[in-house]
Amino acid sequence: MKTTLYIKNMVCDRCIKVLKNELKDESIKVLDVKLGEITADIQTNKEKKTIRKVVESNGFYIIDGENFKLVEQTKLILINLLKKLPLAGNEKLSEILSKEIHHDYFKISKIFSYNEKITIEKYFIKLKIEKAKELIHYKELNFTEISQLLNYSNLTHLSNQFKTETGMSLTEYKTMEKNFRNSLDQII
């Protein structure tokens, strides 16, 4: 039977590749794997247990419950927004989420905040700061270019949020020898 399972903590293409390969190694008939979802032809409880074992052994979790699915869907949409730079400034985050999830933003926001103990906006700021760290680490862009890519109104706005989130200035971070980035699945 074709079954779609929703998976927590899948944040990159490598996550997809790992799960797809390991499920195939276990002879699971995988129909599709994308961020946050596995669709497979599951015929037995043994196959379902095998999928759970593979998923959990790689640090992911099968999501049960509509609210948890909505929260994970919200996170994945926000993470995907940061894959396509520059961020578009003409559409509000609330409009994007409502359109993608097909729910009223108030409901999405309320469920997200209740479950994650942080607002969607603050979560997105944390993601943007992690993206800024990544861009700084590559040393290909200056701070102004990074702020423009991340749709900040100006460099000062990025600088202030960076300092608030990390406790250090952009320049201090850039001059550090170590890369202090957080994994996207560990943001909250």
N, C-alpha and C. Protein backbone atom coordinates (compact mmCIF):
# COMPACT_ATOMS: atom_id res chain seq x y z
N MET A 1 0.85 -1.18 0.00
CA MET A 1 0.00 0.00 0.00
C MET A 1 0.89 1.24 0.00
N LYS A 2 0.58 2.19 -0.85
CA LYS A 2 1.34 3.44 -0.93
C LYS A 2 1.09 4.24 0.35
N THR A 3 2.18 4.53 1.07
CA THR A 3 2.10 5.24 2.34
C THR A 3 3.10 6.38 2.37
N THR A 4 2.67 7.54 2.83
CA THR A 4 3.57 8.68 3.00
C THR A 4 3.79 8.89 4.49
N LEU A 5 5.05 8.89 4.88
CA LEU A 5 5.43 9.14 6.26
C LEU A 5 6.12 10.50 6.32
N TYR A 6 5.80 11.27 7.34
CA TYR A 6 6.40 12.59 7.52
C TYR A 6 7.54 12.47 8.51
N ILE A 7 8.67 13.06 8.14
CA ILE A 7 9.92 12.86 8.87
C ILE A 7 10.43 14.18 9.44
N LYS A 8 10.79 14.16 10.71
CA LYS A 8 11.35 15.34 11.38
C LYS A 8 12.86 15.34 11.25
N ASN A 9 13.43 16.54 11.07
CA ASN A 9 14.87 16.81 11.05
C ASN A 9 15.54 16.59 9.70
N MET A 10 14.80 16.37 8.65
CA MET A 10 15.41 16.28 7.31
C MET A 10 15.58 17.70 6.80
N VAL A 11 16.82 18.13 6.61
CA VAL A 11 17.05 19.53 6.25
C VAL A 11 17.90 19.74 5.01
N CYS A 12 18.38 18.66 4.39
CA CYS A 12 19.26 18.84 3.24
C CYS A 12 19.16 17.67 2.27
N ASP A 13 19.76 17.85 1.13
CA ASP A 13 19.75 16.81 0.10
C ASP A 13 20.48 15.54 0.55
N ARG A 14 21.47 15.71 1.41
CA ARG A 14 22.20 14.55 1.92
C ARG A 14 21.28 13.66 2.77
N CYS A 15 20.36 14.29 3.51
CA CYS A 15 19.39 13.53 4.31
C CYS A 15 18.55 12.64 3.39
N ILE A 16 18.13 13.19 2.28
CA ILE A 16 17.33 12.45 1.30
C ILE A 16 18.12 11.26 0.78
N LYS A 17 19.36 11.51 0.38
CA LYS A 17 20.21 10.47 -0.20
C LYS A 17 20.45 9.33 0.78
N VAL A 18 20.77 9.67 2.02
CA VAL A 18 21.05 8.65 3.05
C VAL A 18 19.83 7.76 3.26
N LEU A 19 18.66 8.38 3.47
CA LEU A 19 17.47 7.57 3.72
C LEU A 19 17.08 6.74 2.51
N LYS A 20 17.15 7.32 1.34
CA LYS A 20 16.79 6.59 0.12
C LYS A 20 17.69 5.36 -0.05
N ASN A 21 18.99 5.54 0.11
CA ASN A 21 19.93 4.43 -0.06
C ASN A 21 19.76 3.36 1.01
N GLU A 22 19.62 3.77 2.26
CA GLU A 22 19.49 2.78 3.32
C GLU A 22 18.17 2.02 3.25
N LEU A 23 17.10 2.69 2.84
CA LEU A 23 15.82 1.99 2.69
C LEU A 23 15.87 1.00 1.53
N LYS A 24 16.53 1.37 0.46
CA LYS A 24 16.70 0.43 -0.67
C LYS A 24 17.55 -0.76 -0.26
N ASP A 25 18.59 -0.52 0.55
CA ASP A 25 19.43 -1.62 1.05
C ASP A 25 18.62 -2.60 1.89
N GLU A 26 17.56 -2.11 2.51
CA GLU A 26 16.69 -2.95 3.34
C GLU A 26 15.53 -3.54 2.52
N SER A 27 15.61 -3.38 1.19
CA SER A 27 14.59 -3.91 0.26
C SER A 27 13.21 -3.29 0.45
N ILE A 28 13.18 -2.04 0.90
CA ILE A 28 11.93 -1.30 0.99
C ILE A 28 11.67 -0.67 -0.38
N LYS A 29 10.46 -0.83 -0.88
CA LYS A 29 10.11 -0.25 -2.18
C LYS A 29 9.81 1.24 -1.99
N VAL A 30 10.84 2.05 -2.20
CA VAL A 30 10.75 3.50 -2.02
C VAL A 30 10.19 4.12 -3.30
N LEU A 31 9.11 4.87 -3.17
CA LEU A 31 8.52 5.54 -4.32
C LEU A 31 9.04 6.96 -4.48
N ASP A 32 9.28 7.64 -3.33
CA ASP A 32 9.77 9.01 -3.38
C ASP A 32 10.32 9.39 -2.00
N VAL A 33 11.39 10.15 -2.00
CA VAL A 33 11.92 10.73 -0.76
C VAL A 33 12.20 12.19 -1.05
N LYS A 34 11.62 13.06 -0.26
CA LYS A 34 11.92 14.48 -0.35
C LYS A 34 12.01 15.02 1.07
N LEU A 35 12.42 16.26 1.20
CA LEU A 35 12.60 16.83 2.54
C LEU A 35 11.32 16.66 3.35
N GLY A 36 11.43 15.97 4.46
CA GLY A 36 10.31 15.81 5.37
C GLY A 36 9.33 14.71 5.02
N GLU A 37 9.57 13.95 3.96
CA GLU A 37 8.62 12.92 3.54
C GLU A 37 9.30 11.72 2.91
N ILE A 38 8.74 10.55 3.24
CA ILE A 38 9.10 9.31 2.55
C ILE A 38 7.80 8.70 2.07
N THR A 39 7.74 8.37 0.79
CA THR A 39 6.59 7.65 0.26
C THR A 39 7.11 6.29 -0.19
N ALA A 40 6.48 5.24 0.33
CA ALA A 40 6.92 3.88 0.05
C ALA A 40 5.72 2.96 -0.12
N ASP A 41 5.97 1.85 -0.78
CA ASP A 41 4.96 0.80 -0.91
C ASP A 41 5.17 -0.14 0.27
N ILE A 42 4.35 0.01 1.30
CA ILE A 42 4.50 -0.77 2.53
C ILE A 42 3.41 -1.83 2.57
N GLN A 43 3.84 -3.10 2.63
CA GLN A 43 2.90 -4.21 2.62
C GLN A 43 2.73 -4.86 3.98
N THR A 44 3.76 -4.76 4.83
CA THR A 44 3.71 -5.48 6.11
C THR A 44 4.13 -4.58 7.26
N ASN A 45 3.79 -5.02 8.47
CA ASN A 45 4.24 -4.30 9.68
C ASN A 45 5.75 -4.39 9.81
N LYS A 46 6.33 -5.48 9.35
CA LYS A 46 7.79 -5.64 9.41
C LYS A 46 8.46 -4.54 8.58
N GLU A 47 7.92 -4.24 7.39
CA GLU A 47 8.48 -3.18 6.55
C GLU A 47 8.35 -1.83 7.25
N LYS A 48 7.22 -1.59 7.90
CA LYS A 48 7.02 -0.32 8.62
C LYS A 48 8.03 -0.19 9.76
N LYS A 49 8.27 -1.29 10.48
CA LYS A 49 9.25 -1.28 11.57
C LYS A 49 10.66 -1.06 11.03
N THR A 50 10.96 -1.64 9.87
CA THR A 50 12.27 -1.45 9.25
C THR A 50 12.48 0.01 8.88
N ILE A 51 11.45 0.62 8.31
CA ILE A 51 11.54 2.04 7.95
C ILE A 51 11.79 2.87 9.19
N ARG A 52 11.04 2.61 10.26
CA ARG A 52 11.22 3.36 11.52
C ARG A 52 12.65 3.19 12.03
N LYS A 53 13.17 1.96 11.98
CA LYS A 53 14.54 1.70 12.45
C LYS A 53 15.56 2.50 11.63
N VAL A 54 15.42 2.49 10.31
CA VAL A 54 16.35 3.23 9.44
C VAL A 54 16.25 4.72 9.71
N VAL A 55 15.04 5.23 9.79
CA VAL A 55 14.81 6.66 10.03
C VAL A 55 15.44 7.08 11.35
N GLU A 56 15.14 6.36 12.41
CA GLU A 56 15.62 6.74 13.75
C GLU A 56 17.12 6.52 13.92
N SER A 57 17.68 5.52 13.25
CA SER A 57 19.13 5.29 13.37
C SER A 57 19.94 6.40 12.71
N ASN A 58 19.29 7.18 11.87
CA ASN A 58 19.96 8.31 11.22
C ASN A 58 19.62 9.66 11.86
N GLY A 59 19.00 9.65 13.02
CA GLY A 59 18.73 10.89 13.75
C GLY A 59 17.45 11.59 13.33
N PHE A 60 16.59 10.91 12.59
CA PHE A 60 15.31 11.48 12.18
C PHE A 60 14.19 10.82 12.98
N TYR A 61 12.99 11.35 12.86
CA TYR A 61 11.84 10.81 13.58
C TYR A 61 10.62 10.83 12.68
N ILE A 62 9.81 9.80 12.79
CA ILE A 62 8.54 9.78 12.08
C ILE A 62 7.56 10.63 12.88
N ILE A 63 6.91 11.54 12.19
CA ILE A 63 6.00 12.47 12.84
C ILE A 63 4.59 11.90 12.85
N ASP A 64 4.01 11.85 14.02
CA ASP A 64 2.62 11.45 14.17
C ASP A 64 1.85 12.67 14.66
N GLY A 65 0.76 12.96 14.03
CA GLY A 65 -0.07 14.09 14.45
C GLY A 65 -0.01 15.24 13.48
N GLU A 66 -1.16 15.80 13.18
CA GLU A 66 -1.28 16.88 12.20
C GLU A 66 -0.52 18.15 12.61
N ASN A 67 -0.56 18.49 13.89
CA ASN A 67 0.14 19.71 14.32
C ASN A 67 1.65 19.60 14.14
N PHE A 68 2.21 18.44 14.44
CA PHE A 68 3.64 18.24 14.27
C PHE A 68 4.01 18.26 12.79
N LYS A 69 3.15 17.72 11.93
CA LYS A 69 3.39 17.77 10.49
C LYS A 69 3.40 19.22 10.01
N LEU A 70 2.46 20.00 10.51
CA LEU A 70 2.37 21.41 10.11
C LEU A 70 3.63 22.18 10.54
N VAL A 71 4.11 21.92 11.74
CA VAL A 71 5.32 22.58 12.24
C VAL A 71 6.52 22.20 11.37
N GLU A 72 6.67 20.92 11.07
CA GLU A 72 7.80 20.48 10.27
C GLU A 72 7.71 21.02 8.85
N GLN A 73 6.51 21.06 8.31
CA GLN A 73 6.30 21.62 6.97
C GLN A 73 6.70 23.10 6.95
N THR A 74 6.35 23.82 7.99
CA THR A 74 6.71 25.24 8.09
C THR A 74 8.23 25.40 8.11
N LYS A 75 8.91 24.59 8.90
CA LYS A 75 10.36 24.67 8.98
C LYS A 75 11.00 24.40 7.62
N LEU A 76 10.51 23.38 6.92
CA LEU A 76 11.09 23.02 5.64
C LEU A 76 10.89 24.10 4.59
N ILE A 77 9.74 24.75 4.61
CA ILE A 77 9.48 25.85 3.67
C ILE A 77 10.46 26.99 3.94
N LEU A 78 10.67 27.32 5.21
CA LEU A 78 11.59 28.40 5.56
C LEU A 78 13.03 28.06 5.19
N ILE A 79 13.43 26.82 5.43
CA ILE A 79 14.79 26.38 5.07
C ILE A 79 14.96 26.45 3.56
N ASN A 80 13.96 26.01 2.82
CA ASN A 80 14.03 26.05 1.36
C ASN A 80 14.08 27.47 0.81
N LEU A 81 13.44 28.41 1.50
CA LEU A 81 13.51 29.81 1.07
C LEU A 81 14.95 30.29 1.03
N LEU A 82 15.74 29.84 1.99
CA LEU A 82 17.13 30.29 2.09
C LEU A 82 18.07 29.57 1.11
N LYS A 83 17.55 28.58 0.42
CA LYS A 83 18.36 27.91 -0.61
C LYS A 83 18.37 28.71 -1.90
N LYS A 84 17.37 29.56 -2.07
CA LYS A 84 17.23 30.33 -3.32
C LYS A 84 17.50 31.80 -3.05
N LEU A 85 18.75 32.17 -3.04
CA LEU A 85 19.10 33.56 -2.80
C LEU A 85 19.22 34.31 -4.12
N PRO A 86 18.90 35.57 -4.15
CA PRO A 86 18.47 36.42 -3.03
C PRO A 86 17.02 36.13 -2.63
N LEU A 87 16.75 36.39 -1.35
CA LEU A 87 15.38 36.26 -0.86
C LEU A 87 14.51 37.29 -1.55
N ALA A 88 13.34 36.88 -1.93
CA ALA A 88 12.40 37.81 -2.56
C ALA A 88 11.79 38.70 -1.48
N GLY A 89 11.80 39.99 -1.72
CA GLY A 89 11.31 40.93 -0.72
C GLY A 89 9.88 41.36 -0.93
N ASN A 90 9.27 40.93 -2.02
CA ASN A 90 7.94 41.45 -2.33
C ASN A 90 6.80 40.65 -1.72
N GLU A 91 7.06 39.44 -1.23
CA GLU A 91 6.00 38.64 -0.64
C GLU A 91 6.30 38.40 0.84
N LYS A 92 5.28 38.59 1.67
CA LYS A 92 5.44 38.42 3.11
C LYS A 92 5.56 36.94 3.47
N LEU A 93 6.27 36.67 4.55
CA LEU A 93 6.43 35.32 5.06
C LEU A 93 5.07 34.68 5.32
N SER A 94 4.16 35.44 5.88
CA SER A 94 2.82 34.92 6.20
C SER A 94 2.10 34.48 4.93
N GLU A 95 2.25 35.24 3.85
CA GLU A 95 1.60 34.89 2.58
C GLU A 95 2.21 33.63 1.97
N ILE A 96 3.52 33.54 2.03
CA ILE A 96 4.21 32.37 1.49
C ILE A 96 3.76 31.11 2.22
N LEU A 97 3.78 31.16 3.55
CA LEU A 97 3.41 29.98 4.33
C LEU A 97 1.95 29.59 4.12
N SER A 98 1.06 30.56 4.12
CA SER A 98 -0.36 30.27 3.90
C SER A 98 -0.59 29.61 2.55
N LYS A 99 0.08 30.13 1.54
CA LYS A 99 -0.08 29.60 0.18
C LYS A 99 0.48 28.18 0.08
N GLU A 100 1.66 27.95 0.66
CA GLU A 100 2.32 26.65 0.56
C GLU A 100 1.63 25.56 1.40
N ILE A 101 1.16 25.93 2.58
CA ILE A 101 0.60 24.95 3.51
C ILE A 101 -0.92 24.82 3.36
N HIS A 102 -1.53 25.81 2.73
CA HIS A 102 -3.00 25.82 2.52
C HIS A 102 -3.77 25.90 3.84
N HIS A 103 -3.26 26.74 4.72
CA HIS A 103 -3.92 27.03 5.99
C HIS A 103 -3.81 28.53 6.25
N ASP A 104 -4.66 29.01 7.10
CA ASP A 104 -4.61 30.40 7.53
C ASP A 104 -3.33 30.61 8.34
N TYR A 105 -2.65 31.74 8.10
CA TYR A 105 -1.38 32.01 8.77
C TYR A 105 -1.55 32.06 10.29
N PHE A 106 -2.66 32.59 10.77
CA PHE A 106 -2.88 32.66 12.21
C PHE A 106 -2.81 31.27 12.82
N LYS A 107 -3.43 30.29 12.16
CA LYS A 107 -3.42 28.91 12.67
C LYS A 107 -1.99 28.35 12.62
N ILE A 108 -1.30 28.56 11.51
CA ILE A 108 0.07 28.07 11.37
C ILE A 108 0.95 28.65 12.47
N SER A 109 0.85 29.96 12.65
CA SER A 109 1.66 30.67 13.64
C SER A 109 1.38 30.19 15.06
N LYS A 110 0.12 30.04 15.36
CA LYS A 110 -0.29 29.61 16.70
C LYS A 110 0.24 28.21 17.01
N ILE A 111 0.07 27.28 16.08
CA ILE A 111 0.53 25.91 16.28
C ILE A 111 2.05 25.86 16.36
N PHE A 112 2.73 26.60 15.49
CA PHE A 112 4.19 26.62 15.49
C PHE A 112 4.71 27.16 16.83
N SER A 113 4.20 28.28 17.25
CA SER A 113 4.67 28.91 18.50
C SER A 113 4.39 28.02 19.71
N TYR A 114 3.25 27.38 19.73
CA TYR A 114 2.88 26.51 20.86
C TYR A 114 3.85 25.32 20.94
N ASN A 115 4.14 24.71 19.80
CA ASN A 115 4.96 23.50 19.78
C ASN A 115 6.46 23.78 19.89
N GLU A 116 6.93 24.89 19.34
CA GLU A 116 8.37 25.17 19.31
C GLU A 116 8.81 26.21 20.34
N LYS A 117 7.87 26.86 20.98
CA LYS A 117 8.16 27.88 22.01
C LYS A 117 8.96 29.06 21.43
N ILE A 118 8.73 29.35 20.15
CA ILE A 118 9.36 30.47 19.46
C ILE A 118 8.43 30.85 18.31
N THR A 119 8.42 32.13 17.96
CA THR A 119 7.57 32.55 16.84
C THR A 119 8.22 32.14 15.51
N ILE A 120 7.42 32.08 14.48
CA ILE A 120 7.93 31.78 13.14
C ILE A 120 8.96 32.83 12.73
N GLU A 121 8.67 34.10 13.03
CA GLU A 121 9.57 35.18 12.64
C GLU A 121 10.93 35.05 13.32
N LYS A 122 10.93 34.73 14.61
CA LYS A 122 12.21 34.57 15.33
C LYS A 122 12.96 33.33 14.84
N TYR A 123 12.24 32.28 14.52
CA TYR A 123 12.87 31.09 13.95
C TYR A 123 13.52 31.43 12.61
N PHE A 124 12.82 32.20 11.78
CA PHE A 124 13.37 32.57 10.47
C PHE A 124 14.60 33.46 10.62
N ILE A 125 14.60 34.33 11.61
CA ILE A 125 15.78 35.15 11.87
C ILE A 125 16.97 34.25 12.22
N LYS A 126 16.74 33.25 13.05
CA LYS A 126 17.82 32.31 13.41
C LYS A 126 18.34 31.59 12.17
N LEU A 127 17.44 31.19 11.28
CA LEU A 127 17.87 30.55 10.03
C LEU A 127 18.69 31.51 9.17
N LYS A 128 18.24 32.77 9.08
CA LYS A 128 18.95 33.75 8.28
C LYS A 128 20.35 34.02 8.86
N ILE A 129 20.47 34.03 10.16
CA ILE A 129 21.78 34.25 10.79
C ILE A 129 22.70 33.06 10.48
N GLU A 130 22.17 31.84 10.50
CA GLU A 130 22.98 30.67 10.15
C GLU A 130 23.42 30.75 8.69
N LYS A 131 22.54 31.23 7.82
CA LYS A 131 22.89 31.40 6.41
C LYS A 131 23.97 32.49 6.27
N ALA A 132 23.84 33.55 7.04
CA ALA A 132 24.86 34.61 7.02
C ALA A 132 26.21 34.04 7.45
N LYS A 133 26.23 33.20 8.49
CA LYS A 133 27.48 32.57 8.93
C LYS A 133 28.09 31.75 7.80
N GLU A 134 27.23 30.99 7.11
CA GLU A 134 27.70 30.17 5.99
C GLU A 134 28.33 31.05 4.91
N LEU A 135 27.65 32.12 4.56
CA LEU A 135 28.15 33.02 3.51
C LEU A 135 29.44 33.72 3.93
N ILE A 136 29.54 34.08 5.20
CA ILE A 136 30.77 34.69 5.72
C ILE A 136 31.92 33.67 5.63
N HIS A 137 31.62 32.44 6.00
CA HIS A 137 32.63 31.38 6.00
C HIS A 137 33.22 31.16 4.60
N TYR A 138 32.41 31.29 3.56
CA TYR A 138 32.89 31.09 2.19
C TYR A 138 33.81 32.21 1.71
N LYS A 139 33.74 33.38 2.35
CA LYS A 139 34.61 34.52 2.05
C LYS A 139 34.53 34.98 0.60
N GLU A 140 33.35 34.85 -0.01
CA GLU A 140 33.17 35.29 -1.39
C GLU A 140 32.42 36.61 -1.49
N LEU A 141 31.68 36.97 -0.43
CA LEU A 141 30.85 38.17 -0.44
C LEU A 141 31.21 39.07 0.74
N ASN A 142 31.00 40.38 0.55
CA ASN A 142 31.19 41.28 1.69
C ASN A 142 29.88 41.34 2.49
N PHE A 143 29.92 42.01 3.63
CA PHE A 143 28.76 42.06 4.52
C PHE A 143 27.55 42.72 3.86
N THR A 144 27.77 43.76 3.10
CA THR A 144 26.66 44.45 2.42
C THR A 144 25.98 43.51 1.43
N GLU A 145 26.77 42.77 0.67
CA GLU A 145 26.20 41.81 -0.29
C GLU A 145 25.40 40.72 0.43
N ILE A 146 25.92 40.26 1.55
CA ILE A 146 25.21 39.24 2.33
C ILE A 146 23.89 39.80 2.85
N SER A 147 23.91 41.02 3.36
CA SER A 147 22.67 41.61 3.87
C SER A 147 21.64 41.77 2.76
N GLN A 148 22.09 42.12 1.56
CA GLN A 148 21.16 42.26 0.42
C GLN A 148 20.60 40.91 0.00
N LEU A 149 21.43 39.89 -0.05
CA LEU A 149 20.96 38.55 -0.41
C LEU A 149 19.90 38.03 0.56
N LEU A 150 20.07 38.38 1.83
CA LEU A 150 19.15 37.90 2.87
C LEU A 150 17.98 38.86 3.09
N ASN A 151 17.85 39.85 2.20
CA ASN A 151 16.72 40.78 2.20
C ASN A 151 16.63 41.65 3.47
N TYR A 152 17.79 42.04 3.98
CA TYR A 152 17.79 43.01 5.08
C TYR A 152 17.69 44.40 4.48
N SER A 153 17.03 45.30 5.19
CA SER A 153 16.85 46.66 4.68
C SER A 153 18.19 47.39 4.55
N ASN A 154 19.13 47.02 5.41
CA ASN A 154 20.47 47.60 5.34
C ASN A 154 21.43 46.76 6.17
N LEU A 155 22.70 47.04 6.06
CA LEU A 155 23.73 46.28 6.77
C LEU A 155 23.58 46.40 8.28
N THR A 156 23.16 47.55 8.75
CA THR A 156 23.00 47.75 10.20
C THR A 156 21.97 46.78 10.78
N HIS A 157 20.89 46.57 10.02
CA HIS A 157 19.84 45.65 10.47
C HIS A 157 20.41 44.23 10.63
N LEU A 158 21.16 43.76 9.63
CA LEU A 158 21.81 42.45 9.73
C LEU A 158 22.79 42.43 10.90
N SER A 159 23.61 43.46 11.02
CA SER A 159 24.62 43.52 12.09
C SER A 159 23.98 43.42 13.47
N ASN A 160 22.89 44.15 13.67
CA ASN A 160 22.20 44.13 14.97
C ASN A 160 21.62 42.75 15.27
N GLN A 161 20.97 42.14 14.28
CA GLN A 161 20.40 40.81 14.51
C GLN A 161 21.51 39.78 14.72
N PHE A 162 22.59 39.89 13.99
CA PHE A 162 23.71 38.96 14.14
C PHE A 162 24.29 39.05 15.55
N LYS A 163 24.48 40.27 16.02
CA LYS A 163 25.03 40.48 17.37
C LYS A 163 24.08 39.94 18.44
N THR A 164 22.78 40.17 18.25
CA THR A 164 21.78 39.68 19.20
C THR A 164 21.78 38.15 19.26
N GLU A 165 21.86 37.51 18.11
CA GLU A 165 21.78 36.04 18.04
C GLU A 165 23.08 35.35 18.44
N THR A 166 24.21 35.93 18.08
CA THR A 166 25.49 35.23 18.30
C THR A 166 26.32 35.81 19.45
N GLY A 167 26.04 37.05 19.82
CA GLY A 167 26.83 37.69 20.86
C GLY A 167 28.12 38.32 20.33
N MET A 168 28.30 38.30 19.02
CA MET A 168 29.50 38.90 18.44
C MET A 168 29.14 39.65 17.16
N SER A 169 30.03 40.53 16.77
CA SER A 169 29.80 41.31 15.55
C SER A 169 30.13 40.44 14.33
N LEU A 170 29.72 40.92 13.17
CA LEU A 170 30.04 40.23 11.92
C LEU A 170 31.55 40.11 11.74
N THR A 171 32.26 41.19 12.02
CA THR A 171 33.71 41.20 11.87
C THR A 171 34.38 40.23 12.83
N GLU A 172 33.92 40.22 14.08
CA GLU A 172 34.48 39.27 15.06
C GLU A 172 34.29 37.84 14.57
N TYR A 173 33.12 37.54 14.07
CA TYR A 173 32.84 36.19 13.58
C TYR A 173 33.75 35.85 12.39
N LYS A 174 33.90 36.80 11.49
CA LYS A 174 34.71 36.57 10.29
C LYS A 174 36.17 36.29 10.62
N THR A 175 36.69 36.95 11.65
CA THR A 175 38.11 36.79 11.99
C THR A 175 38.40 35.56 12.84
N MET A 176 37.37 34.89 13.29
CA MET A 176 37.58 33.69 14.11
C MET A 176 38.13 32.57 13.24
N GLU A 177 38.96 31.75 13.82
CA GLU A 177 39.53 30.61 13.11
C GLU A 177 38.50 29.49 12.94
N LYS A 178 37.63 29.33 13.93
CA LYS A 178 36.66 28.23 13.90
C LYS A 178 35.35 28.68 13.26
N ASN A 179 34.65 27.71 12.72
CA ASN A 179 33.35 27.93 12.12
C ASN A 179 32.29 27.52 13.14
N PHE A 180 31.57 28.47 13.71
CA PHE A 180 30.58 28.19 14.75
C PHE A 180 29.17 28.19 14.18
N ARG A 181 28.93 27.33 13.20
CA ARG A 181 27.61 27.24 12.62
C ARG A 181 26.83 26.13 13.31
N ASN A 182 25.53 26.32 13.36
CA ASN A 182 24.65 25.32 13.94
C ASN A 182 23.95 24.55 12.82
N SER A 183 23.75 23.28 13.04
CA SER A 183 23.00 22.47 12.10
C SER A 183 21.56 22.98 12.06
N LEU A 184 20.96 23.04 10.87
CA LEU A 184 19.62 23.60 10.74
C LEU A 184 18.56 22.83 11.53
N ASP A 185 18.77 21.53 11.72
CA ASP A 185 17.80 20.77 12.50
C ASP A 185 17.96 20.99 14.01
N GLN A 186 19.00 21.73 14.39
CA GLN A 186 19.25 22.02 15.82
C GLN A 186 19.00 23.48 16.16
N ILE A 187 18.35 24.24 15.28
CA ILE A 187 18.14 25.67 15.49
C ILE A 187 17.32 25.93 16.75
N ILE A 188 16.30 25.15 16.98
CA ILE A 188 15.46 25.42 18.17
C ILE A 188 15.86 24.47 19.27
